[in-house]
Amino acid sequence: MYEIIAVTDRHICEGDFLKRIEDIAESGVSAVMLREKDLEPKEYESLARQVSDICARRGAAFIAHRFIAVARRLGCGNIHLPASVFAEGRDLRGRLEEFRVGVSVHSVEEARYAASRGAGYLVAGHIFQTGCKEGLPARGLGFLSEICGQVSIPVYAVGGISEQNIGAVREAGAAGACLMSSFMRSADVAAYTASLLPC
């Protein structure tokens, strides 16, 4: 099954944020990642409770971002961490067994290292040019394909993914893709999700 993960940014969201989360969660995505990097833990936890409840009701998995203690209090089974968590040699094996841990990676070396230290999946990017990473060159499909070939855990592509290029992402070996801006702004979330999934 090819997986689509919707990543949030309430600052670019069209309309009411929680209503959009409802629309996304029932559109057929595999998961919603609450990635609100400007929030402190207490604020993040309050919003995460609402979003995780919506996801549970609408049939999408909820992925917490960064705050391990918050994820534990919520009883969340998924958490996503930046590659910097592993930069100083942290090893998650035996420490976060209650979670499926995802890690953002930007090189083959980071990918291998995170996979060897207990990551359950990787998000690799940015694959295509995107406004979120202005001035930084895209890493491309070759980069994605190399990472997919180097690790035995699922790899999800991120960065500039669209209905026009997601077929190439699948062909490169990715287990799925993460998208943010399009989900926050789409006028018809259900139709957009359908356009991303294999026929």
N, C-alpha and C. Protein backbone atom coordinates (compact mmCIF):
# COMPACT_ATOMS: atom_id res chain seq x y z
N MET A 1 0.84 -1.19 0.00
CA MET A 1 0.00 0.00 0.00
C MET A 1 0.88 1.25 0.00
N TYR A 2 0.63 2.14 -0.94
CA TYR A 2 1.38 3.38 -1.02
C TYR A 2 0.77 4.38 -0.03
N GLU A 3 1.62 5.00 0.79
CA GLU A 3 1.13 5.84 1.88
C GLU A 3 1.36 7.33 1.61
N ILE A 4 0.35 8.12 1.94
CA ILE A 4 0.43 9.57 1.87
C ILE A 4 0.34 10.12 3.28
N ILE A 5 1.32 10.92 3.67
CA ILE A 5 1.33 11.56 4.98
C ILE A 5 1.15 13.06 4.78
N ALA A 6 0.10 13.60 5.38
CA ALA A 6 -0.14 15.04 5.34
C ALA A 6 0.58 15.70 6.51
N VAL A 7 1.37 16.72 6.21
CA VAL A 7 2.15 17.44 7.23
C VAL A 7 1.52 18.82 7.41
N THR A 8 1.37 19.25 8.64
CA THR A 8 0.65 20.49 8.90
C THR A 8 1.55 21.72 9.00
N ASP A 9 0.95 22.85 8.68
CA ASP A 9 1.51 24.18 8.96
C ASP A 9 0.31 25.12 9.05
N ARG A 10 -0.13 25.39 10.26
CA ARG A 10 -1.36 26.17 10.44
C ARG A 10 -1.22 27.59 9.92
N HIS A 11 0.02 28.07 9.74
CA HIS A 11 0.24 29.44 9.26
C HIS A 11 -0.11 29.62 7.79
N ILE A 12 -0.10 28.54 7.04
CA ILE A 12 -0.45 28.64 5.61
C ILE A 12 -1.78 27.96 5.31
N CYS A 13 -2.49 27.55 6.35
CA CYS A 13 -3.74 26.83 6.18
C CYS A 13 -4.84 27.76 5.67
N GLU A 14 -5.57 27.31 4.67
CA GLU A 14 -6.73 28.03 4.17
C GLU A 14 -7.94 27.65 5.02
N GLY A 15 -8.58 28.64 5.64
CA GLY A 15 -9.76 28.37 6.45
C GLY A 15 -9.42 27.88 7.84
N ASP A 16 -10.43 27.33 8.51
CA ASP A 16 -10.27 26.84 9.89
C ASP A 16 -9.34 25.63 9.92
N PHE A 17 -8.35 25.69 10.77
CA PHE A 17 -7.32 24.65 10.81
C PHE A 17 -7.90 23.29 11.20
N LEU A 18 -8.68 23.22 12.26
CA LEU A 18 -9.20 21.93 12.72
C LEU A 18 -10.20 21.34 11.73
N LYS A 19 -10.96 22.19 11.06
CA LYS A 19 -11.87 21.69 10.02
C LYS A 19 -11.06 21.09 8.87
N ARG A 20 -9.95 21.74 8.53
CA ARG A 20 -9.10 21.20 7.47
C ARG A 20 -8.50 19.87 7.90
N ILE A 21 -8.11 19.74 9.15
CA ILE A 21 -7.59 18.46 9.65
C ILE A 21 -8.65 17.37 9.49
N GLU A 22 -9.89 17.69 9.80
CA GLU A 22 -10.97 16.72 9.60
C GLU A 22 -11.06 16.29 8.14
N ASP A 23 -11.03 17.25 7.25
CA ASP A 23 -11.11 16.94 5.82
C ASP A 23 -9.94 16.07 5.37
N ILE A 24 -8.76 16.41 5.84
CA ILE A 24 -7.57 15.63 5.47
C ILE A 24 -7.65 14.22 6.02
N ALA A 25 -8.01 14.09 7.30
CA ALA A 25 -8.00 12.79 7.96
C ALA A 25 -8.99 11.82 7.34
N GLU A 26 -10.08 12.32 6.78
CA GLU A 26 -11.06 11.43 6.17
C GLU A 26 -10.91 11.32 4.65
N SER A 27 -9.84 11.91 4.12
CA SER A 27 -9.66 11.93 2.66
C SER A 27 -9.00 10.68 2.10
N GLY A 28 -8.45 9.85 2.99
CA GLY A 28 -7.74 8.66 2.52
C GLY A 28 -6.25 8.69 2.76
N VAL A 29 -5.74 9.75 3.41
CA VAL A 29 -4.32 9.77 3.77
C VAL A 29 -4.05 8.69 4.81
N SER A 30 -2.81 8.25 4.87
CA SER A 30 -2.44 7.25 5.88
C SER A 30 -2.26 7.89 7.25
N ALA A 31 -1.74 9.13 7.28
CA ALA A 31 -1.43 9.75 8.56
C ALA A 31 -1.39 11.26 8.43
N VAL A 32 -1.53 11.92 9.57
CA VAL A 32 -1.37 13.36 9.68
C VAL A 32 -0.24 13.62 10.68
N MET A 33 0.78 14.35 10.23
CA MET A 33 1.89 14.72 11.12
C MET A 33 1.70 16.17 11.56
N LEU A 34 1.56 16.37 12.87
CA LEU A 34 1.38 17.72 13.41
C LEU A 34 2.76 18.34 13.61
N ARG A 35 3.18 19.14 12.63
CA ARG A 35 4.52 19.72 12.63
C ARG A 35 4.40 21.23 12.78
N GLU A 36 4.20 21.67 14.00
CA GLU A 36 4.03 23.10 14.29
C GLU A 36 5.24 23.55 15.11
N LYS A 37 6.30 23.90 14.40
CA LYS A 37 7.62 24.08 15.01
C LYS A 37 7.72 25.31 15.91
N ASP A 38 6.78 26.25 15.80
CA ASP A 38 6.86 27.45 16.62
C ASP A 38 6.21 27.28 17.99
N LEU A 39 5.54 26.16 18.23
CA LEU A 39 4.83 25.97 19.49
C LEU A 39 5.74 25.40 20.57
N GLU A 40 5.55 25.89 21.79
CA GLU A 40 6.21 25.31 22.95
C GLU A 40 5.45 24.04 23.35
N PRO A 41 6.07 23.17 24.16
CA PRO A 41 5.44 21.88 24.47
C PRO A 41 4.01 21.96 24.99
N LYS A 42 3.72 22.90 25.88
CA LYS A 42 2.37 22.99 26.45
C LYS A 42 1.34 23.35 25.38
N GLU A 43 1.69 24.31 24.53
CA GLU A 43 0.79 24.71 23.44
C GLU A 43 0.64 23.57 22.43
N TYR A 44 1.75 22.93 22.13
CA TYR A 44 1.72 21.84 21.17
C TYR A 44 0.83 20.71 21.69
N GLU A 45 0.94 20.39 22.97
CA GLU A 45 0.15 19.29 23.54
C GLU A 45 -1.35 19.59 23.43
N SER A 46 -1.73 20.83 23.71
CA SER A 46 -3.15 21.19 23.62
C SER A 46 -3.69 20.98 22.21
N LEU A 47 -2.93 21.44 21.22
CA LEU A 47 -3.35 21.27 19.83
C LEU A 47 -3.29 19.80 19.41
N ALA A 48 -2.26 19.11 19.87
CA ALA A 48 -2.09 17.70 19.50
C ALA A 48 -3.25 16.84 20.01
N ARG A 49 -3.76 17.15 21.18
CA ARG A 49 -4.91 16.40 21.70
C ARG A 49 -6.11 16.52 20.76
N GLN A 50 -6.34 17.72 20.27
CA GLN A 50 -7.47 17.93 19.36
C GLN A 50 -7.24 17.23 18.02
N VAL A 51 -6.04 17.36 17.48
CA VAL A 51 -5.75 16.76 16.18
C VAL A 51 -5.74 15.24 16.27
N SER A 52 -5.17 14.69 17.33
CA SER A 52 -5.14 13.23 17.47
C SER A 52 -6.55 12.66 17.64
N ASP A 53 -7.41 13.39 18.33
CA ASP A 53 -8.81 12.95 18.48
C ASP A 53 -9.51 12.93 17.12
N ILE A 54 -9.29 13.97 16.32
CA ILE A 54 -9.88 14.02 14.98
C ILE A 54 -9.38 12.85 14.14
N CYS A 55 -8.08 12.60 14.17
CA CYS A 55 -7.51 11.50 13.39
C CYS A 55 -8.11 10.16 13.81
N ALA A 56 -8.28 9.95 15.11
CA ALA A 56 -8.84 8.69 15.61
C ALA A 56 -10.27 8.51 15.12
N ARG A 57 -11.03 9.59 15.09
CA ARG A 57 -12.43 9.51 14.64
C ARG A 57 -12.53 9.32 13.13
N ARG A 58 -11.59 9.88 12.39
CA ARG A 58 -11.68 9.88 10.93
C ARG A 58 -10.86 8.79 10.25
N GLY A 59 -10.11 8.01 11.02
CA GLY A 59 -9.44 6.85 10.45
C GLY A 59 -8.04 7.05 9.93
N ALA A 60 -7.38 8.15 10.33
CA ALA A 60 -5.98 8.37 9.94
C ALA A 60 -5.09 8.24 11.17
N ALA A 61 -3.88 7.77 10.97
CA ALA A 61 -2.92 7.72 12.07
C ALA A 61 -2.47 9.14 12.41
N PHE A 62 -2.10 9.35 13.66
CA PHE A 62 -1.58 10.64 14.11
C PHE A 62 -0.10 10.49 14.41
N ILE A 63 0.70 11.42 13.90
CA ILE A 63 2.15 11.41 14.16
C ILE A 63 2.51 12.69 14.92
N ALA A 64 3.02 12.52 16.14
CA ALA A 64 3.52 13.65 16.90
C ALA A 64 4.90 14.03 16.37
N HIS A 65 5.28 15.30 16.61
CA HIS A 65 6.54 15.80 16.09
C HIS A 65 7.40 16.36 17.23
N ARG A 66 8.61 15.87 17.37
CA ARG A 66 9.64 16.39 18.28
C ARG A 66 9.45 16.05 19.76
N PHE A 67 8.29 16.33 20.32
CA PHE A 67 8.14 16.29 21.78
C PHE A 67 7.79 14.89 22.27
N ILE A 68 8.81 14.15 22.71
CA ILE A 68 8.64 12.77 23.14
C ILE A 68 7.74 12.69 24.36
N ALA A 69 7.93 13.58 25.34
CA ALA A 69 7.12 13.55 26.56
C ALA A 69 5.65 13.81 26.24
N VAL A 70 5.39 14.72 25.32
CA VAL A 70 4.01 14.99 24.91
C VAL A 70 3.40 13.75 24.26
N ALA A 71 4.13 13.13 23.37
CA ALA A 71 3.64 11.93 22.70
C ALA A 71 3.32 10.83 23.70
N ARG A 72 4.15 10.71 24.73
CA ARG A 72 3.90 9.70 25.77
C ARG A 72 2.61 10.02 26.53
N ARG A 73 2.42 11.27 26.89
CA ARG A 73 1.22 11.63 27.63
C ARG A 73 -0.04 11.41 26.80
N LEU A 74 0.07 11.59 25.50
CA LEU A 74 -1.07 11.40 24.62
C LEU A 74 -1.31 9.92 24.29
N GLY A 75 -0.36 9.08 24.63
CA GLY A 75 -0.47 7.68 24.26
C GLY A 75 -0.35 7.47 22.77
N CYS A 76 0.41 8.34 22.14
CA CYS A 76 0.57 8.31 20.68
C CYS A 76 1.56 7.21 20.29
N GLY A 77 1.24 6.47 19.25
CA GLY A 77 2.12 5.39 18.83
C GLY A 77 3.17 5.79 17.83
N ASN A 78 3.13 7.05 17.36
CA ASN A 78 4.05 7.49 16.31
C ASN A 78 4.67 8.82 16.69
N ILE A 79 5.98 8.94 16.46
CA ILE A 79 6.64 10.22 16.67
C ILE A 79 7.69 10.43 15.59
N HIS A 80 7.81 11.68 15.15
CA HIS A 80 8.80 12.01 14.13
C HIS A 80 9.84 12.95 14.74
N LEU A 81 11.11 12.64 14.47
CA LEU A 81 12.22 13.38 15.05
C LEU A 81 13.15 13.90 13.96
N PRO A 82 13.79 15.04 14.21
CA PRO A 82 14.78 15.55 13.25
C PRO A 82 16.06 14.73 13.29
N ALA A 83 16.82 14.79 12.21
CA ALA A 83 18.08 14.04 12.15
C ALA A 83 19.06 14.47 13.23
N SER A 84 18.92 15.72 13.70
CA SER A 84 19.85 16.23 14.72
C SER A 84 19.78 15.43 16.02
N VAL A 85 18.67 14.73 16.25
CA VAL A 85 18.54 13.88 17.44
C VAL A 85 19.65 12.83 17.46
N PHE A 86 20.06 12.41 16.26
CA PHE A 86 21.06 11.36 16.17
C PHE A 86 22.48 11.91 15.99
N ALA A 87 22.60 13.21 15.86
CA ALA A 87 23.89 13.80 15.53
C ALA A 87 24.94 13.56 16.60
N GLU A 88 24.50 13.40 17.84
CA GLU A 88 25.46 13.19 18.93
C GLU A 88 25.49 11.74 19.39
N GLY A 89 25.07 10.86 18.50
CA GLY A 89 25.20 9.44 18.80
C GLY A 89 24.07 8.83 19.59
N ARG A 90 22.91 9.49 19.63
CA ARG A 90 21.79 8.91 20.37
C ARG A 90 21.34 7.61 19.72
N ASP A 91 21.00 6.67 20.56
CA ASP A 91 20.53 5.37 20.11
C ASP A 91 19.15 5.15 20.70
N LEU A 92 18.15 5.00 19.84
CA LEU A 92 16.78 4.88 20.31
C LEU A 92 16.39 3.45 20.65
N ARG A 93 17.22 2.50 20.30
CA ARG A 93 16.87 1.10 20.56
C ARG A 93 16.71 0.87 22.05
N GLY A 94 15.56 0.35 22.44
CA GLY A 94 15.28 0.08 23.84
C GLY A 94 14.82 1.29 24.63
N ARG A 95 14.76 2.47 24.01
CA ARG A 95 14.40 3.68 24.72
C ARG A 95 13.02 4.20 24.33
N LEU A 96 12.63 3.96 23.09
CA LEU A 96 11.34 4.47 22.61
C LEU A 96 10.54 3.33 21.98
N GLU A 97 10.53 2.21 22.67
CA GLU A 97 9.92 1.02 22.10
C GLU A 97 8.42 1.15 21.89
N GLU A 98 7.78 2.09 22.62
CA GLU A 98 6.33 2.24 22.46
C GLU A 98 5.95 3.01 21.21
N PHE A 99 6.97 3.58 20.52
CA PHE A 99 6.70 4.40 19.34
C PHE A 99 7.22 3.74 18.06
N ARG A 100 6.55 4.08 16.97
CA ARG A 100 7.17 3.94 15.66
C ARG A 100 7.85 5.29 15.41
N VAL A 101 9.17 5.28 15.33
CA VAL A 101 9.94 6.51 15.26
C VAL A 101 10.34 6.80 13.82
N GLY A 102 9.95 7.99 13.34
CA GLY A 102 10.38 8.45 12.04
C GLY A 102 11.47 9.49 12.19
N VAL A 103 12.35 9.57 11.20
CA VAL A 103 13.48 10.50 11.26
C VAL A 103 13.64 11.19 9.90
N SER A 104 13.79 12.51 9.92
CA SER A 104 14.09 13.26 8.70
C SER A 104 15.58 13.14 8.38
N VAL A 105 15.90 12.81 7.13
CA VAL A 105 17.30 12.66 6.74
C VAL A 105 17.56 13.42 5.45
N HIS A 106 18.81 13.89 5.32
CA HIS A 106 19.19 14.71 4.17
C HIS A 106 20.45 14.21 3.49
N SER A 107 20.88 13.01 3.86
CA SER A 107 22.04 12.39 3.22
C SER A 107 21.94 10.89 3.40
N VAL A 108 22.68 10.16 2.57
CA VAL A 108 22.71 8.71 2.70
C VAL A 108 23.31 8.31 4.03
N GLU A 109 24.31 9.07 4.49
CA GLU A 109 24.96 8.76 5.76
C GLU A 109 23.97 8.91 6.92
N GLU A 110 23.20 9.99 6.91
CA GLU A 110 22.18 10.17 7.95
C GLU A 110 21.16 9.04 7.91
N ALA A 111 20.80 8.63 6.72
CA ALA A 111 19.80 7.56 6.57
C ALA A 111 20.31 6.26 7.17
N ARG A 112 21.52 5.90 6.81
CA ARG A 112 22.10 4.65 7.35
C ARG A 112 22.20 4.72 8.87
N TYR A 113 22.65 5.86 9.37
CA TYR A 113 22.86 6.01 10.80
C TYR A 113 21.55 5.91 11.56
N ALA A 114 20.52 6.65 11.10
CA ALA A 114 19.22 6.61 11.78
C ALA A 114 18.63 5.21 11.75
N ALA A 115 18.73 4.54 10.61
CA ALA A 115 18.19 3.18 10.49
C ALA A 115 18.90 2.23 11.45
N SER A 116 20.20 2.42 11.62
CA SER A 116 20.97 1.53 12.50
C SER A 116 20.74 1.82 13.97
N ARG A 117 20.14 2.97 14.28
CA ARG A 117 19.93 3.36 15.68
C ARG A 117 18.47 3.28 16.11
N GLY A 118 17.65 2.59 15.34
CA GLY A 118 16.31 2.31 15.81
C GLY A 118 15.18 3.04 15.13
N ALA A 119 15.46 3.83 14.09
CA ALA A 119 14.36 4.48 13.37
C ALA A 119 13.48 3.43 12.70
N GLY A 120 12.16 3.69 12.69
CA GLY A 120 11.22 2.78 12.06
C GLY A 120 10.93 3.14 10.62
N TYR A 121 11.14 4.41 10.27
CA TYR A 121 11.00 4.87 8.90
C TYR A 121 11.78 6.16 8.74
N LEU A 122 12.04 6.55 7.50
CA LEU A 122 12.78 7.77 7.19
C LEU A 122 11.96 8.66 6.28
N VAL A 123 12.14 9.96 6.44
CA VAL A 123 11.59 10.93 5.49
C VAL A 123 12.79 11.62 4.85
N ALA A 124 12.95 11.41 3.54
CA ALA A 124 14.14 11.89 2.83
C ALA A 124 13.78 13.06 1.92
N GLY A 125 14.59 14.10 1.97
CA GLY A 125 14.30 15.25 1.11
C GLY A 125 15.39 16.30 1.21
N HIS A 126 15.11 17.43 0.52
CA HIS A 126 13.92 17.60 -0.31
C HIS A 126 14.23 17.11 -1.73
N ILE A 127 13.24 16.41 -2.30
CA ILE A 127 13.46 15.71 -3.55
C ILE A 127 13.34 16.64 -4.76
N PHE A 128 12.30 17.46 -4.78
CA PHE A 128 12.10 18.42 -5.86
C PHE A 128 12.17 19.83 -5.29
N GLN A 129 12.35 20.79 -6.18
CA GLN A 129 12.40 22.18 -5.72
C GLN A 129 11.09 22.57 -5.06
N THR A 130 11.19 23.31 -3.97
CA THR A 130 10.01 23.70 -3.22
C THR A 130 10.19 25.08 -2.61
N GLY A 131 9.10 25.83 -2.51
CA GLY A 131 9.17 27.15 -1.90
C GLY A 131 9.54 27.12 -0.44
N CYS A 132 9.35 25.97 0.21
CA CYS A 132 9.72 25.84 1.62
C CYS A 132 11.23 25.83 1.82
N LYS A 133 11.97 25.55 0.75
CA LYS A 133 13.44 25.46 0.83
C LYS A 133 14.08 26.34 -0.23
N GLU A 134 13.64 27.57 -0.31
CA GLU A 134 14.16 28.48 -1.33
C GLU A 134 15.66 28.66 -1.19
N GLY A 135 16.34 28.60 -2.34
CA GLY A 135 17.78 28.79 -2.35
C GLY A 135 18.57 27.51 -2.15
N LEU A 136 17.90 26.43 -1.77
CA LEU A 136 18.58 25.15 -1.58
C LEU A 136 18.26 24.23 -2.75
N PRO A 137 19.27 23.68 -3.40
CA PRO A 137 18.99 22.81 -4.55
C PRO A 137 18.30 21.52 -4.13
N ALA A 138 17.40 21.05 -4.97
CA ALA A 138 16.72 19.78 -4.71
C ALA A 138 17.73 18.63 -4.81
N ARG A 139 17.51 17.59 -4.03
CA ARG A 139 18.43 16.46 -4.03
C ARG A 139 18.11 15.45 -5.12
N GLY A 140 16.89 15.41 -5.59
CA GLY A 140 16.55 14.64 -6.77
C GLY A 140 16.19 13.19 -6.52
N LEU A 141 15.70 12.58 -7.59
CA LEU A 141 15.23 11.20 -7.52
C LEU A 141 16.37 10.20 -7.34
N GLY A 142 17.55 10.52 -7.85
CA GLY A 142 18.70 9.63 -7.66
C GLY A 142 19.04 9.49 -6.19
N PHE A 143 19.00 10.61 -5.48
CA PHE A 143 19.24 10.62 -4.03
C PHE A 143 18.20 9.74 -3.32
N LEU A 144 16.94 9.89 -3.69
CA LEU A 144 15.87 9.10 -3.08
C LEU A 144 16.07 7.62 -3.35
N SER A 145 16.37 7.29 -4.60
CA SER A 145 16.57 5.89 -4.97
C SER A 145 17.75 5.27 -4.22
N GLU A 146 18.82 6.05 -4.05
CA GLU A 146 19.99 5.54 -3.33
C GLU A 146 19.66 5.24 -1.88
N ILE A 147 18.93 6.13 -1.23
CA ILE A 147 18.57 5.89 0.17
C ILE A 147 17.66 4.67 0.27
N CYS A 148 16.68 4.57 -0.61
CA CYS A 148 15.78 3.41 -0.59
C CYS A 148 16.55 2.10 -0.74
N GLY A 149 17.64 2.13 -1.49
CA GLY A 149 18.44 0.93 -1.70
C GLY A 149 19.41 0.63 -0.57
N GLN A 150 19.62 1.60 0.31
CA GLN A 150 20.62 1.45 1.37
C GLN A 150 20.05 1.02 2.71
N VAL A 151 18.73 1.16 2.89
CA VAL A 151 18.12 0.82 4.18
C VAL A 151 16.98 -0.17 3.97
N SER A 152 16.66 -0.90 5.04
CA SER A 152 15.60 -1.91 4.94
C SER A 152 14.28 -1.43 5.54
N ILE A 153 14.22 -0.18 6.01
CA ILE A 153 13.00 0.37 6.57
C ILE A 153 12.33 1.27 5.53
N PRO A 154 11.03 1.57 5.67
CA PRO A 154 10.35 2.41 4.68
C PRO A 154 10.95 3.81 4.59
N VAL A 155 10.99 4.33 3.37
CA VAL A 155 11.47 5.68 3.10
C VAL A 155 10.34 6.46 2.43
N TYR A 156 10.07 7.65 2.96
CA TYR A 156 9.04 8.53 2.41
C TYR A 156 9.73 9.77 1.83
N ALA A 157 9.30 10.16 0.66
CA ALA A 157 9.87 11.34 0.01
C ALA A 157 9.16 12.60 0.49
N VAL A 158 9.90 13.70 0.54
CA VAL A 158 9.31 14.99 0.90
C VAL A 158 9.96 16.08 0.07
N GLY A 159 9.20 17.12 -0.19
CA GLY A 159 9.75 18.28 -0.90
C GLY A 159 9.31 18.37 -2.34
N GLY A 160 8.34 19.25 -2.62
CA GLY A 160 7.91 19.49 -3.98
C GLY A 160 7.13 18.35 -4.61
N ILE A 161 6.59 17.44 -3.79
CA ILE A 161 5.83 16.32 -4.33
C ILE A 161 4.47 16.82 -4.82
N SER A 162 4.05 16.33 -5.98
CA SER A 162 2.76 16.72 -6.54
C SER A 162 2.17 15.54 -7.29
N GLU A 163 0.94 15.71 -7.78
CA GLU A 163 0.32 14.65 -8.56
C GLU A 163 1.07 14.42 -9.87
N GLN A 164 1.83 15.42 -10.33
CA GLN A 164 2.58 15.28 -11.58
C GLN A 164 3.85 14.44 -11.42
N ASN A 165 4.45 14.45 -10.24
CA ASN A 165 5.73 13.75 -10.09
C ASN A 165 5.70 12.58 -9.11
N ILE A 166 4.55 12.32 -8.49
CA ILE A 166 4.53 11.27 -7.47
C ILE A 166 4.75 9.88 -8.07
N GLY A 167 4.41 9.70 -9.33
CA GLY A 167 4.68 8.42 -9.98
C GLY A 167 6.17 8.13 -10.03
N ALA A 168 6.98 9.15 -10.28
CA ALA A 168 8.44 8.98 -10.31
C ALA A 168 8.97 8.68 -8.92
N VAL A 169 8.33 9.23 -7.90
CA VAL A 169 8.73 8.95 -6.52
C VAL A 169 8.48 7.48 -6.19
N ARG A 170 7.34 6.96 -6.61
CA ARG A 170 7.05 5.54 -6.41
C ARG A 170 8.08 4.67 -7.12
N GLU A 171 8.39 5.04 -8.36
CA GLU A 171 9.34 4.26 -9.15
C GLU A 171 10.74 4.26 -8.54
N ALA A 172 11.06 5.31 -7.80
CA ALA A 172 12.37 5.39 -7.15
C ALA A 172 12.47 4.48 -5.93
N GLY A 173 11.34 3.90 -5.51
CA GLY A 173 11.37 2.94 -4.41
C GLY A 173 10.78 3.43 -3.10
N ALA A 174 10.26 4.65 -3.08
CA ALA A 174 9.70 5.19 -1.84
C ALA A 174 8.43 4.45 -1.43
N ALA A 175 8.24 4.31 -0.13
CA ALA A 175 7.04 3.67 0.41
C ALA A 175 5.86 4.62 0.40
N GLY A 176 6.14 5.92 0.22
CA GLY A 176 5.09 6.92 0.21
C GLY A 176 5.70 8.30 0.13
N ALA A 177 4.85 9.30 0.39
CA ALA A 177 5.30 10.69 0.28
C ALA A 177 4.64 11.53 1.36
N CYS A 178 5.35 12.58 1.76
CA CYS A 178 4.83 13.56 2.70
C CYS A 178 4.60 14.87 1.96
N LEU A 179 3.43 15.47 2.18
CA LEU A 179 3.11 16.74 1.53
C LEU A 179 2.52 17.70 2.55
N MET A 180 2.85 18.97 2.40
CA MET A 180 2.37 19.96 3.35
C MET A 180 1.53 21.04 2.68
N SER A 181 2.15 21.89 1.88
CA SER A 181 1.47 23.09 1.35
C SER A 181 0.19 22.75 0.62
N SER A 182 0.22 21.73 -0.22
CA SER A 182 -0.96 21.38 -1.01
C SER A 182 -2.12 20.95 -0.12
N PHE A 183 -1.83 20.23 0.94
CA PHE A 183 -2.91 19.82 1.85
C PHE A 183 -3.45 20.99 2.66
N MET A 184 -2.60 21.94 2.96
CA MET A 184 -3.05 23.09 3.73
C MET A 184 -3.87 24.06 2.89
N ARG A 185 -3.75 23.97 1.56
CA ARG A 185 -4.37 24.97 0.69
C ARG A 185 -5.38 24.42 -0.31
N SER A 186 -5.43 23.12 -0.51
CA SER A 186 -6.29 22.54 -1.54
C SER A 186 -7.76 22.88 -1.31
N ALA A 187 -8.44 23.21 -2.39
CA ALA A 187 -9.88 23.52 -2.30
C ALA A 187 -10.71 22.25 -2.15
N ASP A 188 -10.18 21.11 -2.59
CA ASP A 188 -10.89 19.84 -2.50
C ASP A 188 -9.89 18.77 -2.05
N VAL A 189 -9.80 18.59 -0.73
CA VAL A 189 -8.78 17.71 -0.17
C VAL A 189 -8.98 16.27 -0.62
N ALA A 190 -10.22 15.79 -0.63
CA ALA A 190 -10.47 14.40 -1.01
C ALA A 190 -10.03 14.13 -2.45
N ALA A 191 -10.36 15.06 -3.34
CA ALA A 191 -9.96 14.89 -4.74
C ALA A 191 -8.44 14.95 -4.88
N TYR A 192 -7.81 15.81 -4.11
CA TYR A 192 -6.36 15.92 -4.19
C TYR A 192 -5.69 14.63 -3.71
N THR A 193 -6.16 14.10 -2.59
CA THR A 193 -5.60 12.85 -2.10
C THR A 193 -5.76 11.74 -3.13
N ALA A 194 -6.92 11.67 -3.73
CA ALA A 194 -7.17 10.63 -4.75
C ALA A 194 -6.21 10.75 -5.92
N SER A 195 -5.83 11.99 -6.27
CA SER A 195 -4.92 12.20 -7.40
C SER A 195 -3.51 11.73 -7.09
N LEU A 196 -3.19 11.56 -5.82
CA LEU A 196 -1.85 11.15 -5.42
C LEU A 196 -1.69 9.64 -5.29
N LEU A 197 -2.81 8.94 -5.18
CA LEU A 197 -2.76 7.50 -4.94
C LEU A 197 -2.77 6.72 -6.26
N PRO A 198 -2.11 5.55 -6.28
CA PRO A 198 -2.11 4.75 -7.50
C PRO A 198 -3.52 4.34 -7.87
N CYS A 199 -3.80 4.25 -9.15
CA CYS A 199 -5.13 3.83 -9.62
C CYS A 199 -5.35 2.34 -9.32
